[in-house]
Amino acid sequence: MLESITYYNIGGIPFIVYLGIIAIILFIAAAYTGYKNKPIKIHKGLAIGGIVFAAVHFLLAILAYI
C-alpha cells in the first residue's frame, strides 16, 4: 500500500520526489530568513515545516521497502 502512495506519479514524477523538493525548499527558506534576520517566528515555522516534510519523505522511502 505504501508503495502506491510513495510512487504515485504526478506529472511523471513520483510523489516522494515532490516531498523531498518541498522539504529542501523549506530548509533553504529557513536558512535565508535566519541570514536576513527575519522574525524568529517565521524562521522557526519554516524549519518545523521542513522537518515534517523531510520526516514524511524519509518514512515513505524506508517503509516502501519493508
N, C-alpha and C. Protein backbone atom coordinates (compact mmCIF):
# COMPACT_ATOMS: atom_id res chain seq x y z
N MET A 1 0.81 -1.18 0.00
CA MET A 1 0.00 0.00 0.00
C MET A 1 0.87 1.27 0.00
N LEU A 2 1.91 1.29 0.81
CA LEU A 2 2.76 2.47 0.85
C LEU A 2 3.50 2.70 -0.46
N GLU A 3 3.77 1.62 -1.17
CA GLU A 3 4.43 1.77 -2.47
C GLU A 3 3.54 2.54 -3.44
N SER A 4 2.24 2.30 -3.37
CA SER A 4 1.34 3.00 -4.28
C SER A 4 1.28 4.49 -3.95
N ILE A 5 1.40 4.84 -2.68
CA ILE A 5 1.43 6.26 -2.30
C ILE A 5 2.78 6.86 -2.64
N THR A 6 3.85 6.16 -2.29
CA THR A 6 5.20 6.67 -2.48
C THR A 6 5.51 6.91 -3.95
N TYR A 7 5.13 5.97 -4.78
CA TYR A 7 5.48 6.05 -6.20
C TYR A 7 4.33 6.53 -7.07
N TYR A 8 3.32 7.17 -6.47
CA TYR A 8 2.20 7.73 -7.24
C TYR A 8 2.74 8.85 -8.14
N ASN A 9 2.53 8.71 -9.43
CA ASN A 9 3.08 9.68 -10.39
C ASN A 9 2.19 10.91 -10.51
N ILE A 10 2.82 12.05 -10.37
CA ILE A 10 2.17 13.34 -10.60
C ILE A 10 3.00 14.04 -11.65
N GLY A 11 2.49 14.13 -12.84
CA GLY A 11 3.24 14.74 -13.93
C GLY A 11 4.46 13.93 -14.32
N GLY A 12 4.41 12.63 -14.11
CA GLY A 12 5.51 11.76 -14.48
C GLY A 12 6.61 11.66 -13.44
N ILE A 13 6.42 12.32 -12.29
CA ILE A 13 7.42 12.29 -11.22
C ILE A 13 6.77 11.69 -9.98
N PRO A 14 7.44 10.76 -9.28
CA PRO A 14 6.85 10.15 -8.09
C PRO A 14 6.57 11.17 -6.98
N PHE A 15 5.56 10.88 -6.19
CA PHE A 15 5.13 11.74 -5.09
C PHE A 15 6.26 12.01 -4.10
N ILE A 16 7.08 11.01 -3.84
CA ILE A 16 8.16 11.14 -2.87
C ILE A 16 9.18 12.20 -3.30
N VAL A 17 9.36 12.38 -4.59
CA VAL A 17 10.28 13.40 -5.08
C VAL A 17 9.74 14.79 -4.74
N TYR A 18 8.44 14.98 -4.91
CA TYR A 18 7.84 16.26 -4.56
C TYR A 18 8.00 16.56 -3.08
N LEU A 19 7.83 15.55 -2.23
CA LEU A 19 8.03 15.77 -0.79
C LEU A 19 9.46 16.21 -0.50
N GLY A 20 10.42 15.58 -1.15
CA GLY A 20 11.82 15.95 -0.95
C GLY A 20 12.11 17.36 -1.43
N ILE A 21 11.52 17.75 -2.56
CA ILE A 21 11.72 19.09 -3.09
C ILE A 21 11.11 20.14 -2.16
N ILE A 22 9.91 19.87 -1.66
CA ILE A 22 9.28 20.80 -0.73
C ILE A 22 10.11 20.93 0.55
N ALA A 23 10.62 19.81 1.06
CA ALA A 23 11.44 19.84 2.27
C ALA A 23 12.69 20.68 2.07
N ILE A 24 13.39 20.49 0.97
CA ILE A 24 14.63 21.24 0.75
C ILE A 24 14.34 22.72 0.53
N ILE A 25 13.23 23.04 -0.12
CA ILE A 25 12.86 24.46 -0.30
C ILE A 25 12.57 25.11 1.05
N LEU A 26 11.87 24.38 1.93
CA LEU A 26 11.60 24.93 3.25
C LEU A 26 12.87 25.11 4.07
N PHE A 27 13.82 24.18 3.96
CA PHE A 27 15.09 24.33 4.68
C PHE A 27 15.88 25.52 4.14
N ILE A 28 15.89 25.70 2.84
CA ILE A 28 16.60 26.84 2.25
C ILE A 28 15.93 28.15 2.67
N ALA A 29 14.60 28.17 2.68
CA ALA A 29 13.88 29.37 3.10
C ALA A 29 14.15 29.67 4.57
N ALA A 30 14.22 28.64 5.41
CA ALA A 30 14.53 28.85 6.83
C ALA A 30 15.93 29.41 7.00
N ALA A 31 16.88 28.89 6.25
CA ALA A 31 18.25 29.40 6.32
C ALA A 31 18.30 30.85 5.85
N TYR A 32 17.56 31.16 4.81
CA TYR A 32 17.54 32.53 4.27
C TYR A 32 16.94 33.51 5.28
N THR A 33 15.85 33.10 5.94
CA THR A 33 15.24 34.00 6.93
C THR A 33 16.16 34.20 8.12
N GLY A 34 16.92 33.18 8.48
CA GLY A 34 17.90 33.34 9.55
C GLY A 34 19.02 34.27 9.15
N TYR A 35 19.43 34.18 7.90
CA TYR A 35 20.51 35.01 7.37
C TYR A 35 20.09 36.48 7.27
N LYS A 36 18.84 36.71 6.89
CA LYS A 36 18.34 38.07 6.69
C LYS A 36 17.74 38.67 7.96
N ASN A 37 17.90 38.01 9.09
CA ASN A 37 17.41 38.50 10.39
C ASN A 37 15.91 38.79 10.38
N LYS A 38 15.15 37.90 9.78
CA LYS A 38 13.70 37.99 9.82
C LYS A 38 13.23 37.52 11.20
N PRO A 39 11.96 37.72 11.53
CA PRO A 39 11.48 37.29 12.85
C PRO A 39 11.68 35.79 13.07
N ILE A 40 12.03 35.45 14.31
CA ILE A 40 12.31 34.06 14.66
C ILE A 40 11.07 33.19 14.47
N LYS A 41 9.89 33.78 14.59
CA LYS A 41 8.64 33.04 14.40
C LYS A 41 8.57 32.46 12.98
N ILE A 42 8.93 33.25 11.99
CA ILE A 42 8.92 32.79 10.60
C ILE A 42 10.00 31.72 10.39
N HIS A 43 11.19 31.99 10.90
CA HIS A 43 12.31 31.05 10.77
C HIS A 43 11.96 29.70 11.40
N LYS A 44 11.41 29.75 12.60
CA LYS A 44 11.05 28.52 13.31
C LYS A 44 9.95 27.76 12.58
N GLY A 45 8.96 28.46 12.07
CA GLY A 45 7.87 27.82 11.34
C GLY A 45 8.34 27.12 10.07
N LEU A 46 9.23 27.78 9.34
CA LEU A 46 9.77 27.17 8.12
C LEU A 46 10.62 25.94 8.45
N ALA A 47 11.40 26.04 9.52
CA ALA A 47 12.25 24.91 9.91
C ALA A 47 11.40 23.71 10.36
N ILE A 48 10.37 23.97 11.14
CA ILE A 48 9.49 22.88 11.59
C ILE A 48 8.77 22.26 10.39
N GLY A 49 8.29 23.08 9.48
CA GLY A 49 7.66 22.56 8.26
C GLY A 49 8.60 21.71 7.45
N GLY A 50 9.85 22.14 7.33
CA GLY A 50 10.86 21.36 6.62
C GLY A 50 11.13 20.02 7.28
N ILE A 51 11.18 20.03 8.61
CA ILE A 51 11.41 18.79 9.34
C ILE A 51 10.24 17.83 9.15
N VAL A 52 9.03 18.35 9.17
CA VAL A 52 7.85 17.49 8.98
C VAL A 52 7.85 16.87 7.59
N PHE A 53 8.07 17.68 6.56
CA PHE A 53 8.10 17.15 5.20
C PHE A 53 9.25 16.16 5.01
N ALA A 54 10.41 16.46 5.60
CA ALA A 54 11.55 15.55 5.49
C ALA A 54 11.28 14.23 6.21
N ALA A 55 10.60 14.29 7.35
CA ALA A 55 10.28 13.07 8.10
C ALA A 55 9.30 12.19 7.31
N VAL A 56 8.29 12.81 6.71
CA VAL A 56 7.34 12.04 5.90
C VAL A 56 8.05 11.46 4.68
N HIS A 57 8.90 12.24 4.06
CA HIS A 57 9.69 11.78 2.91
C HIS A 57 10.55 10.58 3.31
N PHE A 58 11.22 10.67 4.44
CA PHE A 58 12.07 9.59 4.94
C PHE A 58 11.26 8.34 5.25
N LEU A 59 10.16 8.51 5.98
CA LEU A 59 9.34 7.35 6.36
C LEU A 59 8.74 6.64 5.15
N LEU A 60 8.26 7.39 4.19
CA LEU A 60 7.71 6.75 2.98
C LEU A 60 8.80 6.00 2.22
N ALA A 61 9.99 6.57 2.18
CA ALA A 61 11.09 5.91 1.46
C ALA A 61 11.49 4.62 2.16
N ILE A 62 11.60 4.64 3.47
CA ILE A 62 12.02 3.45 4.22
C ILE A 62 10.91 2.40 4.24
N LEU A 63 9.69 2.82 4.53
CA LEU A 63 8.59 1.86 4.67
C LEU A 63 8.15 1.24 3.34
N ALA A 64 8.51 1.84 2.24
CA ALA A 64 8.17 1.27 0.93
C ALA A 64 8.93 -0.03 0.69
N TYR A 65 10.04 -0.20 1.37
CA TYR A 65 10.87 -1.39 1.17
C TYR A 65 10.72 -2.43 2.27
N ILE A 66 9.89 -2.17 3.25
CA ILE A 66 9.69 -3.15 4.34
C ILE A 66 8.48 -4.01 4.03
